[in-house]
Amino acid sequence: AHLKRADWAVCFFTSSHLHRADAIHATVLETSGCLSFS
């Protein structure tokens, strides 16, 4: 997207990562710099 920071993020992950859903949430927010996540 040629972005350094996003306004929003949408994430889908397979069930093998389900036990770490909180880590995905935190990592996507931290990496993207956004505050809106789904």
ModelCIF file with pLDDT and N, C-alpha, C, O atoms, coordinates in Angstrom:
data_MODEL
#
_entry.id   MODEL 
#
_entity.id                         1 
_entity.type                       polymer 
_entity.pdbx_number_of_molecules   1 
#
_entity_poly.entity_id                      1 
_entity_poly.type                           'polypeptide(L)' 
_entity_poly.nstd_linkage                   no 
_entity_poly.nstd_monomer                   no 
_entity_poly.pdbx_seq_one_letter_code       AHLKRADWAVCFFTSSHLHRADAIHATVLETSGCLSFS 
_entity_poly.pdbx_seq_one_letter_code_can   AHLKRADWAVCFFTSSHLHRADAIHATVLETSGCLSFS 
_entity_poly.pdbx_strand_id                 A 
#
loop_
_entity_poly_seq.entity_id 
_entity_poly_seq.num 
_entity_poly_seq.mon_id 
_entity_poly_seq.hetero 
1 1  ALA n 
1 2  HIS n 
1 3  LEU n 
1 4  LYS n 
1 5  ARG n 
1 6  ALA n 
1 7  ASP n 
1 8  TRP n 
1 9  ALA n 
1 10 VAL n 
1 11 CYS n 
1 12 PHE n 
1 13 PHE n 
1 14 THR n 
1 15 SER n 
1 16 SER n 
1 17 HIS n 
1 18 LEU n 
1 19 HIS n 
1 20 ARG n 
1 21 ALA n 
1 22 ASP n 
1 23 ALA n 
1 24 ILE n 
1 25 HIS n 
1 26 ALA n 
1 27 THR n 
1 28 VAL n 
1 29 LEU n 
1 30 GLU n 
1 31 THR n 
1 32 SER n 
1 33 GLY n 
1 34 CYS n 
1 35 LEU n 
1 36 SER n 
1 37 PHE n 
1 38 SER n 
#
_struct_asym.id          A 
_struct_asym.entity_id   1 
#
loop_
_ma_qa_metric.id 
_ma_qa_metric.mode 
_ma_qa_metric.name 
_ma_qa_metric.software_group_id 
_ma_qa_metric.type 
1 global pLDDT . pLDDT 
2 local  pLDDT . pLDDT 
#
_ma_qa_metric_global.metric_id      1 
_ma_qa_metric_global.metric_value   93.68 
_ma_qa_metric_global.model_id       1 
_ma_qa_metric_global.ordinal_id     1 
#
loop_
_ma_qa_metric_local.label_asym_id 
_ma_qa_metric_local.label_comp_id 
_ma_qa_metric_local.label_seq_id 
_ma_qa_metric_local.metric_id 
_ma_qa_metric_local.metric_value 
_ma_qa_metric_local.model_id 
_ma_qa_metric_local.ordinal_id 
A ALA 1  2 96.00 1 1  
A HIS 2  2 97.00 1 2  
A LEU 3  2 96.00 1 3  
A LYS 4  2 96.00 1 4  
A ARG 5  2 95.00 1 5  
A ALA 6  2 95.00 1 6  
A ASP 7  2 92.00 1 7  
A TRP 8  2 92.00 1 8  
A ALA 9  2 94.00 1 9  
A VAL 10 2 93.00 1 10 
A CYS 11 2 94.00 1 11 
A PHE 12 2 94.00 1 12 
A PHE 13 2 95.00 1 13 
A THR 14 2 95.00 1 14 
A SER 15 2 93.00 1 15 
A SER 16 2 94.00 1 16 
A HIS 17 2 95.00 1 17 
A LEU 18 2 92.00 1 18 
A HIS 19 2 93.00 1 19 
A ARG 20 2 94.00 1 20 
A ALA 21 2 93.00 1 21 
A ASP 22 2 93.00 1 22 
A ALA 23 2 95.00 1 23 
A ILE 24 2 96.00 1 24 
A HIS 25 2 93.00 1 25 
A ALA 26 2 95.00 1 26 
A THR 27 2 97.00 1 27 
A VAL 28 2 97.00 1 28 
A LEU 29 2 95.00 1 29 
A GLU 30 2 97.00 1 30 
A THR 31 2 97.00 1 31 
A SER 32 2 97.00 1 32 
A GLY 33 2 95.00 1 33 
A CYS 34 2 91.00 1 34 
A LEU 35 2 85.00 1 35 
A SER 36 2 86.00 1 36 
A PHE 37 2 85.00 1 37 
A SER 38 2 88.00 1 38 
#
loop_
_atom_site.group_PDB 
_atom_site.id 
_atom_site.type_symbol 
_atom_site.label_atom_id 
_atom_site.label_alt_id 
_atom_site.label_comp_id 
_atom_site.label_asym_id 
_atom_site.label_entity_id 
_atom_site.label_seq_id 
_atom_site.pdbx_PDB_ins_code 
_atom_site.Cartn_x 
_atom_site.Cartn_y 
_atom_site.Cartn_z 
_atom_site.occupancy 
_atom_site.B_iso_or_equiv 
_atom_site.pdbx_formal_charge 
_atom_site.auth_seq_id 
_atom_site.auth_comp_id 
_atom_site.auth_asym_id 
_atom_site.auth_atom_id 
_atom_site.pdbx_PDB_model_num 
ATOM 1   N N  . ALA A 1 1  ? 0.822   -1.222  0.000  1.00 96.00 ? 1  ALA A N  1 
ATOM 2   C CA . ALA A 1 1  ? 0.000   0.000   0.000  1.00 96.00 ? 1  ALA A CA 1 
ATOM 3   C C  . ALA A 1 1  ? 0.853   1.268   0.000  1.00 96.00 ? 1  ALA A C  1 
ATOM 4   O O  . ALA A 1 1  ? 0.320   2.373   -0.101 1.00 96.00 ? 1  ALA A O  1 
ATOM 5   N N  . HIS A 1 2  ? 2.158   1.118   0.111  1.00 97.00 ? 2  HIS A N  1 
ATOM 6   C CA . HIS A 1 2  ? 3.069   2.268   0.209  1.00 97.00 ? 2  HIS A CA 1 
ATOM 7   C C  . HIS A 1 2  ? 2.720   3.122   1.426  1.00 97.00 ? 2  HIS A C  1 
ATOM 8   O O  . HIS A 1 2  ? 2.649   4.348   1.349  1.00 97.00 ? 2  HIS A O  1 
ATOM 9   N N  . LEU A 1 3  ? 2.504   2.435   2.557  1.00 96.00 ? 3  LEU A N  1 
ATOM 10  C CA . LEU A 1 3  ? 2.167   3.106   3.810  1.00 96.00 ? 3  LEU A CA 1 
ATOM 11  C C  . LEU A 1 3  ? 3.224   2.808   4.871  1.00 96.00 ? 3  LEU A C  1 
ATOM 12  O O  . LEU A 1 3  ? 3.794   1.718   4.903  1.00 96.00 ? 3  LEU A O  1 
ATOM 13  N N  . LYS A 1 4  ? 3.477   3.783   5.733  1.00 96.00 ? 4  LYS A N  1 
ATOM 14  C CA . LYS A 1 4  ? 4.295   3.555   6.924  1.00 96.00 ? 4  LYS A CA 1 
ATOM 15  C C  . LYS A 1 4  ? 3.394   3.237   8.107  1.00 96.00 ? 4  LYS A C  1 
ATOM 16  O O  . LYS A 1 4  ? 3.797   2.564   9.056  1.00 96.00 ? 4  LYS A O  1 
ATOM 17  N N  . ARG A 1 5  ? 2.158   3.740   8.030  1.00 95.00 ? 5  ARG A N  1 
ATOM 18  C CA . ARG A 1 5  ? 1.168   3.540   9.083  1.00 95.00 ? 5  ARG A CA 1 
ATOM 19  C C  . ARG A 1 5  ? -0.206  3.433   8.425  1.00 95.00 ? 5  ARG A C  1 
ATOM 20  O O  . ARG A 1 5  ? -0.512  4.162   7.482  1.00 95.00 ? 5  ARG A O  1 
ATOM 21  N N  . ALA A 1 6  ? -1.026  2.520   8.932  1.00 95.00 ? 6  ALA A N  1 
ATOM 22  C CA . ALA A 1 6  ? -2.371  2.314   8.377  1.00 95.00 ? 6  ALA A CA 1 
ATOM 23  C C  . ALA A 1 6  ? -3.425  2.926   9.297  1.00 95.00 ? 6  ALA A C  1 
ATOM 24  O O  . ALA A 1 6  ? -3.196  3.113   10.492 1.00 95.00 ? 6  ALA A O  1 
ATOM 25  N N  . ASP A 1 7  ? -4.573  3.229   8.720  1.00 92.00 ? 7  ASP A N  1 
ATOM 26  C CA . ASP A 1 7  ? -5.709  3.691   9.518  1.00 92.00 ? 7  ASP A CA 1 
ATOM 27  C C  . ASP A 1 7  ? -6.497  2.516   10.088 1.00 92.00 ? 7  ASP A C  1 
ATOM 28  O O  . ASP A 1 7  ? -7.106  2.620   11.153 1.00 92.00 ? 7  ASP A O  1 
ATOM 29  N N  . TRP A 1 8  ? -6.476  1.397   9.366  1.00 92.00 ? 8  TRP A N  1 
ATOM 30  C CA . TRP A 1 8  ? -7.249  0.230   9.795  1.00 92.00 ? 8  TRP A CA 1 
ATOM 31  C C  . TRP A 1 8  ? -6.584  -1.050  9.278  1.00 92.00 ? 8  TRP A C  1 
ATOM 32  O O  . TRP A 1 8  ? -5.790  -1.026  8.337  1.00 92.00 ? 8  TRP A O  1 
ATOM 33  N N  . ALA A 1 9  ? -6.932  -2.160  9.920  1.00 94.00 ? 9  ALA A N  1 
ATOM 34  C CA . ALA A 1 9  ? -6.411  -3.467  9.514  1.00 94.00 ? 9  ALA A CA 1 
ATOM 35  C C  . ALA A 1 9  ? -7.502  -4.523  9.647  1.00 94.00 ? 9  ALA A C  1 
ATOM 36  O O  . ALA A 1 9  ? -8.292  -4.510  10.591 1.00 94.00 ? 9  ALA A O  1 
ATOM 37  N N  . VAL A 1 10 ? -7.527  -5.432  8.685  1.00 93.00 ? 10 VAL A N  1 
ATOM 38  C CA . VAL A 1 10 ? -8.420  -6.588  8.714  1.00 93.00 ? 10 VAL A CA 1 
ATOM 39  C C  . VAL A 1 10 ? -7.523  -7.816  8.638  1.00 93.00 ? 10 VAL A C  1 
ATOM 40  O O  . VAL A 1 10 ? -6.646  -7.892  7.779  1.00 93.00 ? 10 VAL A O  1 
ATOM 41  N N  . CYS A 1 11 ? -7.737  -8.769  9.526  1.00 94.00 ? 11 CYS A N  1 
ATOM 42  C CA . CYS A 1 11 ? -6.854  -9.931  9.608  1.00 94.00 ? 11 CYS A CA 1 
ATOM 43  C C  . CYS A 1 11 ? -7.672  -11.222 9.667  1.00 94.00 ? 11 CYS A C  1 
ATOM 44  O O  . CYS A 1 11 ? -8.651  -11.324 10.406 1.00 94.00 ? 11 CYS A O  1 
ATOM 45  N N  . PHE A 1 12 ? -7.253  -12.187 8.881  1.00 94.00 ? 12 PHE A N  1 
ATOM 46  C CA . PHE A 1 12 ? -7.830  -13.528 8.917  1.00 94.00 ? 12 PHE A CA 1 
ATOM 47  C C  . PHE A 1 12 ? -6.687  -14.501 9.168  1.00 94.00 ? 12 PHE A C  1 
ATOM 48  O O  . PHE A 1 12 ? -5.615  -14.365 8.579  1.00 94.00 ? 12 PHE A O  1 
ATOM 49  N N  . PHE A 1 13 ? -6.909  -15.477 10.034 1.00 95.00 ? 13 PHE A N  1 
ATOM 50  C CA . PHE A 1 13 ? -5.844  -16.433 10.329 1.00 95.00 ? 13 PHE A CA 1 
ATOM 51  C C  . PHE A 1 13 ? -6.429  -17.832 10.474 1.00 95.00 ? 13 PHE A C  1 
ATOM 52  O O  . PHE A 1 13 ? -7.574  -18.006 10.891 1.00 95.00 ? 13 PHE A O  1 
ATOM 53  N N  . THR A 1 14 ? -5.615  -18.823 10.120 1.00 95.00 ? 14 THR A N  1 
ATOM 54  C CA . THR A 1 14 ? -6.082  -20.197 10.188 1.00 95.00 ? 14 THR A CA 1 
ATOM 55  C C  . THR A 1 14 ? -6.144  -20.675 11.640 1.00 95.00 ? 14 THR A C  1 
ATOM 56  O O  . THR A 1 14 ? -5.542  -20.077 12.531 1.00 95.00 ? 14 THR A O  1 
ATOM 57  N N  . SER A 1 15 ? -6.871  -21.743 11.854 1.00 93.00 ? 15 SER A N  1 
ATOM 58  C CA . SER A 1 15 ? -7.101  -22.244 13.209 1.00 93.00 ? 15 SER A CA 1 
ATOM 59  C C  . SER A 1 15 ? -5.819  -22.681 13.913 1.00 93.00 ? 15 SER A C  1 
ATOM 60  O O  . SER A 1 15 ? -5.804  -22.779 15.140 1.00 93.00 ? 15 SER A O  1 
ATOM 61  N N  . SER A 1 16 ? -4.753  -22.943 13.175 1.00 94.00 ? 16 SER A N  1 
ATOM 62  C CA . SER A 1 16 ? -3.492  -23.303 13.829 1.00 94.00 ? 16 SER A CA 1 
ATOM 63  C C  . SER A 1 16 ? -2.909  -22.126 14.616 1.00 94.00 ? 16 SER A C  1 
ATOM 64  O O  . SER A 1 16 ? -2.047  -22.326 15.472 1.00 94.00 ? 16 SER A O  1 
ATOM 65  N N  . HIS A 1 17 ? -3.363  -20.922 14.340 1.00 95.00 ? 17 HIS A N  1 
ATOM 66  C CA . HIS A 1 17 ? -2.919  -19.740 15.085 1.00 95.00 ? 17 HIS A CA 1 
ATOM 67  C C  . HIS A 1 17 ? -3.955  -19.282 16.105 1.00 95.00 ? 17 HIS A C  1 
ATOM 68  O O  . HIS A 1 17 ? -3.720  -18.300 16.809 1.00 95.00 ? 17 HIS A O  1 
ATOM 69  N N  . LEU A 1 18 ? -5.079  -19.957 16.204 1.00 92.00 ? 18 LEU A N  1 
ATOM 70  C CA . LEU A 1 18 ? -6.172  -19.505 17.061 1.00 92.00 ? 18 LEU A CA 1 
ATOM 71  C C  . LEU A 1 18 ? -5.754  -19.342 18.521 1.00 92.00 ? 18 LEU A C  1 
ATOM 72  O O  . LEU A 1 18 ? -6.189  -18.396 19.178 1.00 92.00 ? 18 LEU A O  1 
ATOM 73  N N  . HIS A 1 19 ? -4.929  -20.235 19.034 1.00 93.00 ? 19 HIS A N  1 
ATOM 74  C CA . HIS A 1 19 ? -4.508  -20.155 20.434 1.00 93.00 ? 19 HIS A CA 1 
ATOM 75  C C  . HIS A 1 19 ? -3.651  -18.919 20.712 1.00 93.00 ? 19 HIS A C  1 
ATOM 76  O O  . HIS A 1 19 ? -3.401  -18.596 21.874 1.00 93.00 ? 19 HIS A O  1 
ATOM 77  N N  . ARG A 1 20 ? -3.199  -18.227 19.670 1.00 94.00 ? 20 ARG A N  1 
ATOM 78  C CA . ARG A 1 20 ? -2.387  -17.013 19.815 1.00 94.00 ? 20 ARG A CA 1 
ATOM 79  C C  . ARG A 1 20 ? -3.107  -15.797 19.219 1.00 94.00 ? 20 ARG A C  1 
ATOM 80  O O  . ARG A 1 20 ? -2.460  -14.852 18.767 1.00 94.00 ? 20 ARG A O  1 
ATOM 81  N N  . ALA A 1 21 ? -4.430  -15.822 19.220 1.00 93.00 ? 21 ALA A N  1 
ATOM 82  C CA . ALA A 1 21 ? -5.212  -14.714 18.646 1.00 93.00 ? 21 ALA A CA 1 
ATOM 83  C C  . ALA A 1 21 ? -4.863  -13.377 19.282 1.00 93.00 ? 21 ALA A C  1 
ATOM 84  O O  . ALA A 1 21 ? -4.808  -12.361 18.590 1.00 93.00 ? 21 ALA A O  1 
ATOM 85  N N  . ASP A 1 22 ? -4.628  -13.362 20.590 1.00 93.00 ? 22 ASP A N  1 
ATOM 86  C CA . ASP A 1 22 ? -4.259  -12.111 21.263 1.00 93.00 ? 22 ASP A CA 1 
ATOM 87  C C  . ASP A 1 22 ? -2.923  -11.581 20.748 1.00 93.00 ? 22 ASP A C  1 
ATOM 88  O O  . ASP A 1 22 ? -2.747  -10.372 20.591 1.00 93.00 ? 22 ASP A O  1 
ATOM 89  N N  . ALA A 1 23 ? -1.989  -12.486 20.488 1.00 95.00 ? 23 ALA A N  1 
ATOM 90  C CA . ALA A 1 23 ? -0.680  -12.075 19.961 1.00 95.00 ? 23 ALA A CA 1 
ATOM 91  C C  . ALA A 1 23 ? -0.822  -11.514 18.550 1.00 95.00 ? 23 ALA A C  1 
ATOM 92  O O  . ALA A 1 23 ? -0.163  -10.534 18.204 1.00 95.00 ? 23 ALA A O  1 
ATOM 93  N N  . ILE A 1 24 ? -1.678  -12.127 17.735 1.00 96.00 ? 24 ILE A N  1 
ATOM 94  C CA . ILE A 1 24 ? -1.916  -11.608 16.383 1.00 96.00 ? 24 ILE A CA 1 
ATOM 95  C C  . ILE A 1 24 ? -2.486  -10.201 16.471 1.00 96.00 ? 24 ILE A C  1 
ATOM 96  O O  . ILE A 1 24 ? -2.022  -9.294  15.780 1.00 96.00 ? 24 ILE A O  1 
ATOM 97  N N  . HIS A 1 25 ? -3.483  -10.018 17.313 1.00 93.00 ? 25 HIS A N  1 
ATOM 98  C CA . HIS A 1 25 ? -4.115  -8.710  17.499 1.00 93.00 ? 25 HIS A CA 1 
ATOM 99  C C  . HIS A 1 25 ? -3.064  -7.661  17.874 1.00 93.00 ? 25 HIS A C  1 
ATOM 100 O O  . HIS A 1 25 ? -2.992  -6.600  17.252 1.00 93.00 ? 25 HIS A O  1 
ATOM 101 N N  . ALA A 1 26 ? -2.261  -7.956  18.879 1.00 95.00 ? 26 ALA A N  1 
ATOM 102 C CA . ALA A 1 26 ? -1.254  -7.004  19.351 1.00 95.00 ? 26 ALA A CA 1 
ATOM 103 C C  . ALA A 1 26 ? -0.187  -6.730  18.296 1.00 95.00 ? 26 ALA A C  1 
ATOM 104 O O  . ALA A 1 26 ? 0.222   -5.584  18.110 1.00 95.00 ? 26 ALA A O  1 
ATOM 105 N N  . THR A 1 27 ? 0.259   -7.764  17.613 1.00 97.00 ? 27 THR A N  1 
ATOM 106 C CA . THR A 1 27 ? 1.322   -7.604  16.613 1.00 97.00 ? 27 THR A CA 1 
ATOM 107 C C  . THR A 1 27 ? 0.848   -6.808  15.409 1.00 97.00 ? 27 THR A C  1 
ATOM 108 O O  . THR A 1 27 ? 1.577   -5.949  14.913 1.00 97.00 ? 27 THR A O  1 
ATOM 109 N N  . VAL A 1 28 ? -0.361  -7.080  14.932 1.00 97.00 ? 28 VAL A N  1 
ATOM 110 C CA . VAL A 1 28 ? -0.887  -6.338  13.783 1.00 97.00 ? 28 VAL A CA 1 
ATOM 111 C C  . VAL A 1 28 ? -1.061  -4.868  14.155 1.00 97.00 ? 28 VAL A C  1 
ATOM 112 O O  . VAL A 1 28 ? -0.704  -3.991  13.367 1.00 97.00 ? 28 VAL A O  1 
ATOM 113 N N  . LEU A 1 29 ? -1.598  -4.584  15.331 1.00 95.00 ? 29 LEU A N  1 
ATOM 114 C CA . LEU A 1 29 ? -1.767  -3.192  15.754 1.00 95.00 ? 29 LEU A CA 1 
ATOM 115 C C  . LEU A 1 29 ? -0.414  -2.492  15.885 1.00 95.00 ? 29 LEU A C  1 
ATOM 116 O O  . LEU A 1 29 ? -0.251  -1.364  15.421 1.00 95.00 ? 29 LEU A O  1 
ATOM 117 N N  . GLU A 1 30 ? 0.539   -3.151  16.506 1.00 97.00 ? 30 GLU A N  1 
ATOM 118 C CA . GLU A 1 30 ? 1.869   -2.561  16.699 1.00 97.00 ? 30 GLU A CA 1 
ATOM 119 C C  . GLU A 1 30 ? 2.567   -2.323  15.356 1.00 97.00 ? 30 GLU A C  1 
ATOM 120 O O  . GLU A 1 30 ? 3.128   -1.252  15.126 1.00 97.00 ? 30 GLU A O  1 
ATOM 121 N N  . THR A 1 31 ? 2.531   -3.316  14.482 1.00 97.00 ? 31 THR A N  1 
ATOM 122 C CA . THR A 1 31 ? 3.240   -3.222  13.206 1.00 97.00 ? 31 THR A CA 1 
ATOM 123 C C  . THR A 1 31 ? 2.590   -2.210  12.264 1.00 97.00 ? 31 THR A C  1 
ATOM 124 O O  . THR A 1 31 ? 3.284   -1.477  11.559 1.00 97.00 ? 31 THR A O  1 
ATOM 125 N N  . SER A 1 32 ? 1.269   -2.174  12.255 1.00 97.00 ? 32 SER A N  1 
ATOM 126 C CA . SER A 1 32 ? 0.552   -1.284  11.326 1.00 97.00 ? 32 SER A CA 1 
ATOM 127 C C  . SER A 1 32 ? 0.418   0.140   11.848 1.00 97.00 ? 32 SER A C  1 
ATOM 128 O O  . SER A 1 32 ? 0.261   1.078   11.068 1.00 97.00 ? 32 SER A O  1 
ATOM 129 N N  . GLY A 1 33 ? 0.480   0.302   13.170 1.00 95.00 ? 33 GLY A N  1 
ATOM 130 C CA . GLY A 1 33 ? 0.286   1.617   13.764 1.00 95.00 ? 33 GLY A CA 1 
ATOM 131 C C  . GLY A 1 33 ? -1.157  2.061   13.815 1.00 95.00 ? 33 GLY A C  1 
ATOM 132 O O  . GLY A 1 33 ? -1.440  3.197   14.194 1.00 95.00 ? 33 GLY A O  1 
ATOM 133 N N  . CYS A 1 34 ? -2.077  1.184   13.440 1.00 91.00 ? 34 CYS A N  1 
ATOM 134 C CA . CYS A 1 34 ? -3.493  1.567   13.423 1.00 91.00 ? 34 CYS A CA 1 
ATOM 135 C C  . CYS A 1 34 ? -4.156  1.312   14.770 1.00 91.00 ? 34 CYS A C  1 
ATOM 136 O O  . CYS A 1 34 ? -3.609  0.620   15.628 1.00 91.00 ? 34 CYS A O  1 
ATOM 137 N N  . LEU A 1 35 ? -5.329  1.876   14.936 1.00 85.00 ? 35 LEU A N  1 
ATOM 138 C CA . LEU A 1 35 ? -6.109  1.682   16.157 1.00 85.00 ? 35 LEU A CA 1 
ATOM 139 C C  . LEU A 1 35 ? -7.385  0.893   15.893 1.00 85.00 ? 35 LEU A C  1 
ATOM 140 O O  . LEU A 1 35 ? -8.061  0.476   16.833 1.00 85.00 ? 35 LEU A O  1 
ATOM 141 N N  . SER A 1 36 ? -7.713  0.690   14.642 1.00 86.00 ? 36 SER A N  1 
ATOM 142 C CA . SER A 1 36 ? -8.946  0.001   14.278 1.00 86.00 ? 36 SER A CA 1 
ATOM 143 C C  . SER A 1 36 ? -8.613  -1.352  13.671 1.00 86.00 ? 36 SER A C  1 
ATOM 144 O O  . SER A 1 36 ? -7.933  -1.421  12.647 1.00 86.00 ? 36 SER A O  1 
ATOM 145 N N  . PHE A 1 37 ? -9.081  -2.416  14.286 1.00 85.00 ? 37 PHE A N  1 
ATOM 146 C CA . PHE A 1 37 ? -8.719  -3.778  13.894 1.00 85.00 ? 37 PHE A CA 1 
ATOM 147 C C  . PHE A 1 37 ? -9.964  -4.653  13.853 1.00 85.00 ? 37 PHE A C  1 
ATOM 148 O O  . PHE A 1 37 ? -10.840 -4.551  14.711 1.00 85.00 ? 37 PHE A O  1 
ATOM 149 N N  . SER A 1 38 ? -10.025 -5.499  12.856 1.00 88.00 ? 38 SER A N  1 
ATOM 150 C CA . SER A 1 38 ? -11.081 -6.491  12.763 1.00 88.00 ? 38 SER A CA 1 
ATOM 151 C C  . SER A 1 38 ? -10.430 -7.782  12.308 1.00 88.00 ? 38 SER A C  1 
ATOM 152 O O  . SER A 1 38 ? -11.112 -8.794  12.147 1.00 88.00 ? 38 SER A O  1 
#
